[in-house]
């Protein structure tokens, strides 16, 4: 179990390259729709980027 988690986290580092654009787009969309402040937009962007990268690497590992 632990080697799988370490492997997924290691693979998520290169996946950050592919997950930055969706994070930025979601942050921009939510800022326009809900009138978010800049700090809230950054939090959404970073959280989306990290979750997307971990999701991509786990899909790559388990499929």
N, C-alpha and C. Protein backbone atom coordinates (compact mmCIF):
# COMPACT_ATOMS: atom_id res chain seq x y z
N UNK A 1 0.83 -1.20 0.00
CA UNK A 1 0.00 0.00 0.00
C UNK A 1 0.87 1.26 0.00
N UNK A 2 1.85 1.32 0.88
CA UNK A 2 2.71 2.50 0.96
C UNK A 2 3.54 2.71 -0.31
N UNK A 3 4.10 1.65 -0.92
CA UNK A 3 4.82 1.91 -2.18
C UNK A 3 3.92 2.45 -3.29
N UNK A 4 2.65 2.03 -3.31
CA UNK A 4 1.73 2.57 -4.31
C UNK A 4 1.52 4.06 -4.11
N UNK A 5 1.34 4.48 -2.87
CA UNK A 5 1.12 5.90 -2.58
C UNK A 5 2.35 6.72 -2.94
N UNK A 6 3.53 6.22 -2.60
CA UNK A 6 4.77 6.93 -2.93
C UNK A 6 4.95 7.01 -4.44
N UNK A 7 4.63 5.93 -5.14
CA UNK A 7 4.76 5.92 -6.60
C UNK A 7 3.79 6.91 -7.24
N UNK A 8 2.55 6.97 -6.73
CA UNK A 8 1.56 7.91 -7.27
C UNK A 8 2.01 9.35 -7.02
N UNK A 9 2.52 9.63 -5.82
CA UNK A 9 2.98 10.99 -5.54
C UNK A 9 4.19 11.36 -6.38
N UNK A 10 5.07 10.40 -6.65
CA UNK A 10 6.23 10.67 -7.50
C UNK A 10 5.80 10.93 -8.94
N UNK A 11 4.80 10.21 -9.39
CA UNK A 11 4.33 10.42 -10.76
C UNK A 11 3.50 11.69 -10.90
N UNK A 12 3.00 12.22 -9.79
CA UNK A 12 2.19 13.43 -9.88
C UNK A 12 3.05 14.67 -10.15
N UNK A 13 4.34 14.60 -9.88
CA UNK A 13 5.21 15.75 -10.16
C UNK A 13 5.25 16.07 -11.65
N UNK A 14 5.49 15.10 -12.54
CA UNK A 14 5.43 15.46 -13.97
C UNK A 14 4.01 15.79 -14.45
N UNK A 15 3.00 15.25 -13.77
CA UNK A 15 1.62 15.52 -14.17
C UNK A 15 1.21 16.96 -13.86
N UNK A 16 1.97 17.64 -13.02
CA UNK A 16 1.69 19.05 -12.75
C UNK A 16 1.75 19.87 -14.03
N UNK A 17 2.60 19.44 -14.95
CA UNK A 17 2.73 20.15 -16.22
C UNK A 17 1.42 20.14 -16.99
N UNK A 18 0.67 19.04 -16.90
CA UNK A 18 -0.59 18.93 -17.63
C UNK A 18 -1.79 19.46 -16.85
N UNK A 19 -1.62 19.71 -15.57
CA UNK A 19 -2.78 20.09 -14.76
C UNK A 19 -2.81 21.57 -14.39
N UNK A 20 -1.84 22.34 -14.81
CA UNK A 20 -1.84 23.77 -14.50
C UNK A 20 -2.91 24.50 -15.30
N UNK A 21 -3.04 24.17 -16.57
CA UNK A 21 -4.01 24.87 -17.43
C UNK A 21 -5.45 24.67 -16.96
N UNK A 22 -5.90 23.43 -16.63
CA UNK A 22 -7.28 23.30 -16.13
C UNK A 22 -7.50 24.04 -14.80
N UNK A 23 -6.48 24.08 -13.95
CA UNK A 23 -6.60 24.81 -12.69
C UNK A 23 -6.79 26.30 -12.91
N UNK A 24 -6.02 26.85 -13.83
CA UNK A 24 -6.13 28.28 -14.13
C UNK A 24 -7.49 28.59 -14.76
N UNK A 25 -7.92 27.75 -15.68
CA UNK A 25 -9.21 27.98 -16.33
C UNK A 25 -10.36 27.90 -15.34
N UNK A 26 -10.33 26.93 -14.42
CA UNK A 26 -11.39 26.82 -13.43
C UNK A 26 -11.38 28.02 -12.48
N UNK A 27 -10.19 28.47 -12.10
CA UNK A 27 -10.09 29.65 -11.25
C UNK A 27 -10.65 30.89 -11.92
N UNK A 28 -10.34 31.07 -13.19
CA UNK A 28 -10.88 32.22 -13.94
C UNK A 28 -12.40 32.13 -14.07
N UNK A 29 -12.89 30.94 -14.35
CA UNK A 29 -14.34 30.76 -14.50
C UNK A 29 -15.07 31.06 -13.20
N UNK A 30 -14.58 30.53 -12.10
CA UNK A 30 -15.24 30.75 -10.82
C UNK A 30 -15.13 32.20 -10.36
N UNK A 31 -14.03 32.86 -10.72
CA UNK A 31 -13.89 34.28 -10.37
C UNK A 31 -14.93 35.12 -11.11
N UNK A 32 -15.15 34.82 -12.38
CA UNK A 32 -16.13 35.58 -13.15
C UNK A 32 -17.56 35.26 -12.69
N UNK A 33 -17.83 33.98 -12.42
CA UNK A 33 -19.20 33.59 -12.09
C UNK A 33 -19.60 34.00 -10.68
N UNK A 34 -18.71 33.80 -9.70
CA UNK A 34 -19.06 34.05 -8.30
C UNK A 34 -18.36 35.27 -7.71
N UNK A 35 -17.64 36.04 -8.53
CA UNK A 35 -16.96 37.26 -8.09
C UNK A 35 -16.04 36.98 -6.90
N UNK A 36 -15.13 36.02 -7.10
CA UNK A 36 -14.19 35.64 -6.04
C UNK A 36 -13.08 36.68 -5.91
N UNK A 37 -12.52 36.76 -4.72
CA UNK A 37 -11.34 37.59 -4.52
C UNK A 37 -10.13 36.84 -5.05
N UNK A 38 -9.01 37.56 -5.16
CA UNK A 38 -7.80 36.98 -5.74
C UNK A 38 -7.28 35.82 -4.88
N UNK A 39 -7.34 35.96 -3.57
CA UNK A 39 -6.86 34.90 -2.68
C UNK A 39 -7.68 33.63 -2.84
N UNK A 40 -8.99 33.78 -2.95
CA UNK A 40 -9.86 32.62 -3.15
C UNK A 40 -9.61 31.97 -4.51
N UNK A 41 -9.34 32.80 -5.51
CA UNK A 41 -9.03 32.28 -6.84
C UNK A 41 -7.74 31.47 -6.82
N UNK A 42 -6.74 31.95 -6.10
CA UNK A 42 -5.47 31.22 -6.00
C UNK A 42 -5.66 29.88 -5.30
N UNK A 43 -6.47 29.88 -4.23
CA UNK A 43 -6.73 28.64 -3.50
C UNK A 43 -7.41 27.62 -4.41
N UNK A 44 -8.40 28.06 -5.18
CA UNK A 44 -9.10 27.17 -6.10
C UNK A 44 -8.14 26.65 -7.17
N UNK A 45 -7.31 27.52 -7.70
CA UNK A 45 -6.38 27.13 -8.76
C UNK A 45 -5.38 26.10 -8.26
N UNK A 46 -4.80 26.34 -7.10
CA UNK A 46 -3.79 25.42 -6.57
C UNK A 46 -4.43 24.08 -6.18
N UNK A 47 -5.60 24.12 -5.55
CA UNK A 47 -6.27 22.87 -5.16
C UNK A 47 -6.66 22.05 -6.39
N UNK A 48 -7.17 22.71 -7.40
CA UNK A 48 -7.55 22.01 -8.63
C UNK A 48 -6.33 21.41 -9.31
N UNK A 49 -5.25 22.15 -9.36
CA UNK A 49 -4.02 21.66 -9.98
C UNK A 49 -3.51 20.42 -9.26
N UNK A 50 -3.46 20.47 -7.95
CA UNK A 50 -2.95 19.31 -7.20
C UNK A 50 -3.87 18.10 -7.32
N UNK A 51 -5.17 18.32 -7.19
CA UNK A 51 -6.10 17.21 -7.31
C UNK A 51 -6.09 16.59 -8.71
N UNK A 52 -5.99 17.42 -9.72
CA UNK A 52 -5.93 16.93 -11.10
C UNK A 52 -4.66 16.13 -11.34
N UNK A 53 -3.54 16.60 -10.80
CA UNK A 53 -2.28 15.89 -10.98
C UNK A 53 -2.30 14.53 -10.27
N UNK A 54 -2.83 14.49 -9.06
CA UNK A 54 -2.89 13.22 -8.33
C UNK A 54 -3.88 12.27 -9.00
N UNK A 55 -4.99 12.80 -9.52
CA UNK A 55 -5.95 11.96 -10.22
C UNK A 55 -5.34 11.37 -11.49
N UNK A 56 -4.65 12.18 -12.25
CA UNK A 56 -4.00 11.67 -13.47
C UNK A 56 -2.97 10.60 -13.15
N UNK A 57 -2.15 10.83 -12.14
CA UNK A 57 -1.11 9.85 -11.83
C UNK A 57 -1.71 8.57 -11.26
N UNK A 58 -2.78 8.66 -10.49
CA UNK A 58 -3.40 7.43 -9.97
C UNK A 58 -4.07 6.64 -11.10
N UNK A 59 -4.70 7.35 -12.03
CA UNK A 59 -5.27 6.66 -13.18
C UNK A 59 -4.18 5.99 -14.00
N UNK A 60 -3.08 6.63 -14.19
CA UNK A 60 -1.97 6.06 -14.94
C UNK A 60 -1.39 4.84 -14.22
N UNK A 61 -1.36 4.87 -12.91
CA UNK A 61 -0.79 3.78 -12.13
C UNK A 61 -1.70 2.56 -12.08
N UNK A 62 -3.00 2.78 -11.92
CA UNK A 62 -3.90 1.66 -11.69
C UNK A 62 -4.58 1.13 -12.95
N UNK A 63 -4.48 1.85 -14.05
CA UNK A 63 -5.12 1.35 -15.28
C UNK A 63 -4.10 0.73 -16.19
